[in-house]
Amino acid sequence: MGEVEGLGEGMRIRIETTADEGQGALSDLYKWLRLDADVRRQATMEMVPCGKPGVTMGTVEVIDMFLSQGFSALNLAMSYAAWRAARPAAPPITITVTDTGEPLTVDDASQETIRRIVEALQAESAADQAERQVEAGDEAGTSP
């Protein structure tokens, strides 16, 4: 995983909706996340075109986020849950860790959903840390 200026190592995730009417909800979630101080402190994000046409043949966008190595999966999950609680009729949202491509589709603000988001992000974070330790061990064993 690469570095983003000011954030160091971390993970990239993609947030999207498969519902044709979901672009307004996704844009709203993007604005909500940008207003959350904890998320803003630990992530960079932008709306980017995803390449598949929408209902009106316009560009469909997704939220592309880079979470710093020290991110709190619970902060992101809680921010999502607060947004979802305020918008219970919003369409399902899919969160994908870009490196693994493992999608997680969520459609409510339940404790189970929060747990699933946290577990998915923590699992990827743990895998990244293990990979960095192996790489560091390989570099330490190499002589100049």
N, C-alpha and C. Protein backbone atom coordinates (compact mmCIF):
# COMPACT_ATOMS: atom_id res chain seq x y z
N MET A 1 0.87 -1.17 0.00
CA MET A 1 0.00 0.00 0.00
C MET A 1 0.90 1.22 0.00
N GLY A 2 0.52 2.21 -0.73
CA GLY A 2 1.34 3.40 -0.86
C GLY A 2 1.13 4.39 0.26
N GLU A 3 1.79 5.54 0.08
CA GLU A 3 1.67 6.59 1.07
C GLU A 3 0.91 7.76 0.47
N VAL A 4 0.18 8.45 1.31
CA VAL A 4 -0.47 9.70 0.93
C VAL A 4 0.14 10.75 1.83
N GLU A 5 0.54 11.87 1.24
CA GLU A 5 1.22 12.92 1.99
C GLU A 5 0.50 13.24 3.28
N GLY A 6 1.24 13.17 4.40
CA GLY A 6 0.69 13.49 5.71
C GLY A 6 0.01 12.32 6.40
N LEU A 7 -0.24 11.20 5.67
CA LEU A 7 -0.92 10.07 6.30
C LEU A 7 -0.03 8.84 6.40
N GLY A 8 1.05 8.75 5.62
CA GLY A 8 1.91 7.58 5.67
C GLY A 8 1.23 6.36 5.07
N GLU A 9 1.60 5.19 5.57
CA GLU A 9 1.02 3.93 5.10
C GLU A 9 -0.43 3.83 5.54
N GLY A 10 -1.22 3.10 4.80
CA GLY A 10 -2.62 2.93 5.17
C GLY A 10 -3.34 2.05 4.18
N MET A 11 -4.65 2.18 4.13
CA MET A 11 -5.46 1.35 3.24
C MET A 11 -6.42 2.22 2.44
N ARG A 12 -6.66 1.78 1.22
CA ARG A 12 -7.60 2.49 0.35
C ARG A 12 -8.90 1.69 0.31
N ILE A 13 -10.01 2.41 0.48
CA ILE A 13 -11.32 1.78 0.37
C ILE A 13 -12.16 2.56 -0.61
N ARG A 14 -13.16 1.88 -1.11
CA ARG A 14 -14.09 2.47 -2.08
C ARG A 14 -15.49 2.28 -1.51
N ILE A 15 -16.28 3.34 -1.54
CA ILE A 15 -17.66 3.27 -1.06
C ILE A 15 -18.56 3.63 -2.23
N GLU A 16 -19.52 2.74 -2.51
CA GLU A 16 -20.41 2.97 -3.64
C GLU A 16 -21.78 2.40 -3.34
N THR A 17 -22.69 2.66 -4.24
CA THR A 17 -24.02 2.08 -4.14
C THR A 17 -24.37 1.46 -5.48
N THR A 18 -25.07 0.36 -5.43
CA THR A 18 -25.48 -0.29 -6.68
C THR A 18 -26.87 0.18 -7.10
N ALA A 19 -27.55 0.90 -6.23
CA ALA A 19 -28.89 1.39 -6.54
C ALA A 19 -28.80 2.56 -7.51
N ASP A 20 -29.61 2.52 -8.56
CA ASP A 20 -29.58 3.60 -9.55
C ASP A 20 -29.90 4.95 -8.92
N GLU A 21 -30.79 4.97 -7.94
CA GLU A 21 -31.18 6.23 -7.29
C GLU A 21 -30.23 6.60 -6.14
N GLY A 22 -29.16 5.86 -5.99
CA GLY A 22 -28.28 6.04 -4.84
C GLY A 22 -27.25 7.12 -4.94
N GLN A 23 -27.07 7.75 -6.10
CA GLN A 23 -26.02 8.77 -6.22
C GLN A 23 -26.24 9.94 -5.27
N GLY A 24 -27.48 10.36 -5.09
CA GLY A 24 -27.75 11.45 -4.14
C GLY A 24 -27.38 11.04 -2.73
N ALA A 25 -27.70 9.81 -2.36
CA ALA A 25 -27.36 9.31 -1.02
C ALA A 25 -25.86 9.20 -0.85
N LEU A 26 -25.17 8.75 -1.88
CA LEU A 26 -23.71 8.62 -1.80
C LEU A 26 -23.05 9.98 -1.66
N SER A 27 -23.54 10.95 -2.40
CA SER A 27 -23.02 12.31 -2.30
C SER A 27 -23.26 12.86 -0.89
N ASP A 28 -24.42 12.55 -0.33
CA ASP A 28 -24.76 12.97 1.02
C ASP A 28 -23.83 12.31 2.04
N LEU A 29 -23.55 11.02 1.87
CA LEU A 29 -22.62 10.31 2.77
C LEU A 29 -21.23 10.93 2.68
N TYR A 30 -20.80 11.26 1.49
CA TYR A 30 -19.50 11.90 1.29
C TYR A 30 -19.41 13.20 2.09
N LYS A 31 -20.44 14.03 1.97
CA LYS A 31 -20.46 15.30 2.72
C LYS A 31 -20.46 15.03 4.22
N TRP A 32 -21.23 14.03 4.66
CA TRP A 32 -21.32 13.67 6.08
C TRP A 32 -19.93 13.26 6.61
N LEU A 33 -19.24 12.39 5.86
CA LEU A 33 -17.92 11.92 6.29
C LEU A 33 -16.91 13.07 6.33
N ARG A 34 -17.00 13.99 5.38
CA ARG A 34 -16.08 15.13 5.36
C ARG A 34 -16.29 16.05 6.56
N LEU A 35 -17.50 16.07 7.11
CA LEU A 35 -17.79 16.91 8.27
C LEU A 35 -17.39 16.24 9.59
N ASP A 36 -17.14 14.94 9.57
CA ASP A 36 -16.77 14.21 10.78
C ASP A 36 -15.29 14.44 11.08
N ALA A 37 -14.99 15.11 12.18
CA ALA A 37 -13.61 15.47 12.51
C ALA A 37 -12.71 14.24 12.66
N ASP A 38 -13.22 13.16 13.26
CA ASP A 38 -12.40 11.96 13.43
C ASP A 38 -12.05 11.32 12.10
N VAL A 39 -13.01 11.25 11.20
CA VAL A 39 -12.75 10.67 9.88
C VAL A 39 -11.81 11.58 9.10
N ARG A 40 -12.08 12.87 9.12
CA ARG A 40 -11.24 13.84 8.40
C ARG A 40 -9.79 13.79 8.87
N ARG A 41 -9.58 13.57 10.15
CA ARG A 41 -8.23 13.53 10.72
C ARG A 41 -7.47 12.28 10.27
N GLN A 42 -8.19 11.20 9.98
CA GLN A 42 -7.53 9.93 9.69
C GLN A 42 -7.67 9.48 8.24
N ALA A 43 -8.29 10.29 7.41
CA ALA A 43 -8.52 9.85 6.03
C ALA A 43 -8.51 11.02 5.07
N THR A 44 -8.21 10.70 3.83
CA THR A 44 -8.44 11.62 2.74
C THR A 44 -9.48 10.97 1.86
N MET A 45 -10.32 11.76 1.23
CA MET A 45 -11.37 11.18 0.40
C MET A 45 -11.75 12.13 -0.71
N GLU A 46 -12.27 11.53 -1.78
CA GLU A 46 -12.78 12.32 -2.89
C GLU A 46 -13.82 11.50 -3.63
N MET A 47 -14.69 12.21 -4.33
CA MET A 47 -15.66 11.56 -5.21
C MET A 47 -14.97 11.41 -6.56
N VAL A 48 -14.97 10.20 -7.10
CA VAL A 48 -14.33 9.94 -8.38
C VAL A 48 -15.28 9.17 -9.30
N PRO A 49 -15.16 9.35 -10.60
CA PRO A 49 -15.99 8.57 -11.52
C PRO A 49 -15.61 7.10 -11.44
N CYS A 50 -16.60 6.23 -11.52
CA CYS A 50 -16.29 4.80 -11.44
C CYS A 50 -16.30 4.13 -12.80
N GLY A 51 -16.70 4.84 -13.83
CA GLY A 51 -16.63 4.28 -15.16
C GLY A 51 -17.87 3.57 -15.66
N LYS A 52 -18.87 3.36 -14.81
CA LYS A 52 -20.09 2.73 -15.32
C LYS A 52 -21.18 3.79 -15.40
N PRO A 53 -21.95 3.80 -16.49
CA PRO A 53 -22.96 4.83 -16.67
C PRO A 53 -24.13 4.67 -15.72
N GLY A 54 -24.71 5.78 -15.31
CA GLY A 54 -25.89 5.76 -14.45
C GLY A 54 -27.16 5.69 -15.27
N VAL A 55 -28.28 5.79 -14.59
CA VAL A 55 -29.58 5.70 -15.24
C VAL A 55 -29.72 6.75 -16.34
N THR A 56 -29.26 7.94 -16.09
CA THR A 56 -29.38 9.00 -17.07
C THR A 56 -28.17 9.05 -18.00
N MET A 57 -27.38 8.00 -17.98
CA MET A 57 -26.17 7.89 -18.78
C MET A 57 -25.11 8.91 -18.38
N GLY A 58 -25.27 9.48 -17.21
CA GLY A 58 -24.26 10.37 -16.68
C GLY A 58 -23.19 9.56 -15.97
N THR A 59 -22.17 10.22 -15.50
CA THR A 59 -21.09 9.54 -14.80
C THR A 59 -21.54 9.18 -13.40
N VAL A 60 -21.31 7.94 -13.03
CA VAL A 60 -21.60 7.48 -11.68
C VAL A 60 -20.32 7.66 -10.87
N GLU A 61 -20.46 8.19 -9.67
CA GLU A 61 -19.29 8.42 -8.84
C GLU A 61 -19.27 7.51 -7.64
N VAL A 62 -18.07 7.31 -7.10
CA VAL A 62 -17.86 6.54 -5.88
C VAL A 62 -17.02 7.38 -4.94
N ILE A 63 -17.03 7.02 -3.66
CA ILE A 63 -16.16 7.68 -2.69
C ILE A 63 -14.88 6.86 -2.62
N ASP A 64 -13.77 7.49 -2.90
CA ASP A 64 -12.46 6.85 -2.81
C ASP A 64 -11.80 7.41 -1.56
N MET A 65 -11.52 6.53 -0.58
CA MET A 65 -10.94 6.98 0.70
C MET A 65 -9.60 6.31 0.92
N PHE A 66 -8.69 7.07 1.49
CA PHE A 66 -7.42 6.51 1.94
C PHE A 66 -7.38 6.71 3.44
N LEU A 67 -7.36 5.59 4.18
CA LEU A 67 -7.34 5.63 5.64
C LEU A 67 -5.90 5.49 6.12
N SER A 68 -5.47 6.36 7.02
CA SER A 68 -4.11 6.30 7.54
C SER A 68 -3.91 5.02 8.34
N GLN A 69 -2.65 4.67 8.54
CA GLN A 69 -2.31 3.45 9.28
C GLN A 69 -2.94 3.47 10.67
N GLY A 70 -3.05 4.62 11.28
CA GLY A 70 -3.59 4.72 12.63
C GLY A 70 -5.09 4.94 12.68
N PHE A 71 -5.79 4.68 11.57
CA PHE A 71 -7.24 4.93 11.53
C PHE A 71 -7.95 4.07 12.55
N SER A 72 -9.11 4.56 12.94
CA SER A 72 -9.97 3.79 13.82
C SER A 72 -11.16 3.30 13.02
N ALA A 73 -11.22 2.01 12.80
CA ALA A 73 -12.33 1.43 12.05
C ALA A 73 -13.65 1.76 12.73
N LEU A 74 -13.64 1.82 14.06
CA LEU A 74 -14.86 2.12 14.79
C LEU A 74 -15.34 3.54 14.49
N ASN A 75 -14.42 4.50 14.37
CA ASN A 75 -14.83 5.87 14.04
C ASN A 75 -15.54 5.92 12.69
N LEU A 76 -15.00 5.23 11.70
CA LEU A 76 -15.63 5.23 10.39
C LEU A 76 -16.99 4.52 10.46
N ALA A 77 -17.05 3.40 11.15
CA ALA A 77 -18.31 2.66 11.28
C ALA A 77 -19.36 3.48 12.02
N MET A 78 -18.97 4.19 13.06
CA MET A 78 -19.92 4.99 13.83
C MET A 78 -20.40 6.19 13.00
N SER A 79 -19.53 6.78 12.21
CA SER A 79 -19.94 7.89 11.37
C SER A 79 -20.94 7.39 10.32
N TYR A 80 -20.66 6.23 9.74
CA TYR A 80 -21.61 5.64 8.79
C TYR A 80 -22.95 5.39 9.48
N ALA A 81 -22.91 4.79 10.68
CA ALA A 81 -24.15 4.45 11.40
C ALA A 81 -24.96 5.69 11.73
N ALA A 82 -24.30 6.78 12.11
CA ALA A 82 -25.02 8.03 12.41
C ALA A 82 -25.68 8.57 11.14
N TRP A 83 -24.95 8.50 10.01
CA TRP A 83 -25.52 8.95 8.75
C TRP A 83 -26.72 8.08 8.39
N ARG A 84 -26.57 6.77 8.52
CA ARG A 84 -27.64 5.84 8.16
C ARG A 84 -28.86 6.03 9.05
N ALA A 85 -28.65 6.27 10.35
CA ALA A 85 -29.76 6.47 11.28
C ALA A 85 -30.57 7.71 10.89
N ALA A 86 -29.88 8.72 10.36
CA ALA A 86 -30.56 9.94 9.93
C ALA A 86 -31.24 9.76 8.58
N ARG A 87 -30.89 8.69 7.86
CA ARG A 87 -31.43 8.43 6.52
C ARG A 87 -31.78 6.95 6.37
N PRO A 88 -32.74 6.46 7.12
CA PRO A 88 -33.03 5.02 7.10
C PRO A 88 -33.50 4.50 5.74
N ALA A 89 -33.99 5.38 4.87
CA ALA A 89 -34.46 4.93 3.56
C ALA A 89 -33.37 4.95 2.49
N ALA A 90 -32.14 5.33 2.87
CA ALA A 90 -31.05 5.37 1.89
C ALA A 90 -30.79 3.96 1.36
N PRO A 91 -30.33 3.86 0.11
CA PRO A 91 -30.07 2.55 -0.48
C PRO A 91 -28.85 1.88 0.17
N PRO A 92 -28.68 0.58 -0.05
CA PRO A 92 -27.51 -0.12 0.48
C PRO A 92 -26.21 0.52 -0.03
N ILE A 93 -25.21 0.50 0.81
CA ILE A 93 -23.89 1.04 0.49
C ILE A 93 -22.90 -0.12 0.52
N THR A 94 -21.99 -0.15 -0.44
CA THR A 94 -20.97 -1.20 -0.47
C THR A 94 -19.62 -0.57 -0.18
N ILE A 95 -18.92 -1.15 0.80
CA ILE A 95 -17.58 -0.71 1.18
C ILE A 95 -16.62 -1.80 0.71
N THR A 96 -15.63 -1.42 -0.08
CA THR A 96 -14.67 -2.39 -0.60
C THR A 96 -13.26 -1.94 -0.25
N VAL A 97 -12.48 -2.84 0.38
CA VAL A 97 -11.06 -2.57 0.58
C VAL A 97 -10.41 -2.83 -0.77
N THR A 98 -9.86 -1.79 -1.37
CA THR A 98 -9.40 -1.84 -2.75
C THR A 98 -8.38 -2.94 -3.00
N ASP A 99 -7.43 -3.14 -2.10
CA ASP A 99 -6.39 -4.15 -2.32
C ASP A 99 -6.94 -5.57 -2.37
N THR A 100 -7.92 -5.88 -1.55
CA THR A 100 -8.44 -7.24 -1.50
C THR A 100 -9.65 -7.43 -2.39
N GLY A 101 -10.35 -6.35 -2.66
CA GLY A 101 -11.54 -6.44 -3.48
C GLY A 101 -12.71 -7.11 -2.78
N GLU A 102 -12.63 -7.27 -1.47
CA GLU A 102 -13.70 -7.91 -0.70
C GLU A 102 -14.79 -6.89 -0.40
N PRO A 103 -15.94 -6.96 -1.07
CA PRO A 103 -17.01 -5.99 -0.82
C PRO A 103 -17.84 -6.34 0.41
N LEU A 104 -18.29 -5.34 1.11
CA LEU A 104 -19.18 -5.49 2.26
C LEU A 104 -20.35 -4.55 2.02
N THR A 105 -21.53 -5.11 1.82
CA THR A 105 -22.72 -4.30 1.57
C THR A 105 -23.50 -4.16 2.86
N VAL A 106 -23.82 -2.91 3.22
CA VAL A 106 -24.53 -2.62 4.46
C VAL A 106 -25.73 -1.74 4.15
N ASP A 107 -26.81 -1.96 4.92
CA ASP A 107 -28.02 -1.20 4.63
C ASP A 107 -28.78 -0.74 5.86
N ASP A 108 -28.11 -0.75 7.02
CA ASP A 108 -28.76 -0.26 8.22
C ASP A 108 -27.70 0.26 9.19
N ALA A 109 -28.15 0.66 10.38
CA ALA A 109 -27.24 1.21 11.39
C ALA A 109 -27.19 0.32 12.62
N SER A 110 -27.46 -0.96 12.44
CA SER A 110 -27.50 -1.87 13.58
C SER A 110 -26.11 -2.12 14.17
N GLN A 111 -26.09 -2.62 15.38
CA GLN A 111 -24.81 -2.98 16.02
C GLN A 111 -24.10 -4.05 15.22
N GLU A 112 -24.85 -4.97 14.64
CA GLU A 112 -24.27 -6.02 13.80
C GLU A 112 -23.57 -5.42 12.59
N THR A 113 -24.18 -4.43 11.96
CA THR A 113 -23.57 -3.77 10.81
C THR A 113 -22.29 -3.05 11.22
N ILE A 114 -22.33 -2.34 12.33
CA ILE A 114 -21.13 -1.65 12.82
C ILE A 114 -20.02 -2.66 13.07
N ARG A 115 -20.37 -3.79 13.69
CA ARG A 115 -19.38 -4.84 13.97
C ARG A 115 -18.78 -5.37 12.66
N ARG A 116 -19.63 -5.60 11.66
CA ARG A 116 -19.15 -6.12 10.37
C ARG A 116 -18.18 -5.15 9.70
N ILE A 117 -18.49 -3.85 9.75
CA ILE A 117 -17.60 -2.84 9.15
C ILE A 117 -16.25 -2.84 9.88
N VAL A 118 -16.30 -2.79 11.20
CA VAL A 118 -15.07 -2.76 11.99
C VAL A 118 -14.23 -4.00 11.71
N GLU A 119 -14.85 -5.18 11.72
CA GLU A 119 -14.11 -6.42 11.48
C GLU A 119 -13.48 -6.45 10.10
N ALA A 120 -14.21 -6.00 9.09
CA ALA A 120 -13.67 -6.00 7.73
C ALA A 120 -12.45 -5.09 7.62
N LEU A 121 -12.53 -3.91 8.21
CA LEU A 121 -11.41 -2.97 8.13
C LEU A 121 -10.25 -3.38 9.02
N GLN A 122 -10.54 -3.92 10.19
CA GLN A 122 -9.46 -4.36 11.08
C GLN A 122 -8.74 -5.57 10.52
N ALA A 123 -9.46 -6.46 9.86
CA ALA A 123 -8.83 -7.63 9.26
C ALA A 123 -7.83 -7.21 8.20
N GLU A 124 -8.21 -6.24 7.38
CA GLU A 124 -7.30 -5.76 6.35
C GLU A 124 -6.12 -5.02 6.97
N SER A 125 -6.38 -4.24 8.00
CA SER A 125 -5.31 -3.52 8.69
C SER A 125 -4.31 -4.50 9.30
N ALA A 126 -4.79 -5.57 9.92
CA ALA A 126 -3.92 -6.58 10.53
C ALA A 126 -3.09 -7.28 9.45
N ALA A 127 -3.71 -7.57 8.30
CA ALA A 127 -2.98 -8.21 7.20
C ALA A 127 -1.88 -7.29 6.69
N ASP A 128 -2.17 -5.99 6.58
CA ASP A 128 -1.15 -5.02 6.14
C ASP A 128 0.02 -4.97 7.11
N GLN A 129 -0.29 -4.95 8.42
CA GLN A 129 0.76 -4.90 9.43
C GLN A 129 1.64 -6.14 9.37
N ALA A 130 1.03 -7.31 9.20
CA ALA A 130 1.80 -8.55 9.12
C ALA A 130 2.71 -8.53 7.90
N GLU A 131 2.20 -8.03 6.79
CA GLU A 131 3.00 -7.95 5.56
C GLU A 131 4.19 -7.01 5.75
N ARG A 132 3.97 -5.86 6.41
CA ARG A 132 5.06 -4.92 6.66
C ARG A 132 6.12 -5.54 7.57
N GLN A 133 5.71 -6.34 8.57
CA GLN A 133 6.66 -6.98 9.46
C GLN A 133 7.51 -7.99 8.70
N VAL A 134 6.89 -8.74 7.79
CA VAL A 134 7.64 -9.71 6.98
C VAL A 134 8.64 -8.97 6.10
N GLU A 135 8.19 -7.88 5.46
CA GLU A 135 9.08 -7.11 4.61
C GLU A 135 10.23 -6.52 5.42
N ALA A 136 9.95 -6.03 6.62
CA ALA A 136 11.00 -5.47 7.47
C ALA A 136 11.99 -6.55 7.86
N GLY A 137 11.50 -7.75 8.15
CA GLY A 137 12.37 -8.87 8.50
C GLY A 137 13.25 -9.27 7.34
N ASP A 138 12.71 -9.25 6.12
CA ASP A 138 13.49 -9.57 4.93
C ASP A 138 14.59 -8.54 4.73
N GLU A 139 14.27 -7.27 4.92
CA GLU A 139 15.26 -6.20 4.74
C GLU A 139 16.34 -6.29 5.81
N ALA A 140 15.97 -6.64 7.04
CA ALA A 140 16.94 -6.73 8.13
C ALA A 140 17.91 -7.88 7.89
N GLY A 141 17.46 -8.93 7.23
CA GLY A 141 18.32 -10.09 6.99
C GLY A 141 19.20 -9.95 5.76
N THR A 142 19.05 -8.87 5.03
CA THR A 142 19.82 -8.66 3.81
C THR A 142 21.07 -7.86 4.16
N SER A 143 22.23 -8.34 3.73
CA SER A 143 23.47 -7.60 3.97
C SER A 143 23.79 -6.72 2.78
N PRO A 144 24.42 -5.59 3.05
CA PRO A 144 24.77 -4.68 1.95
C PRO A 144 25.88 -5.23 1.09
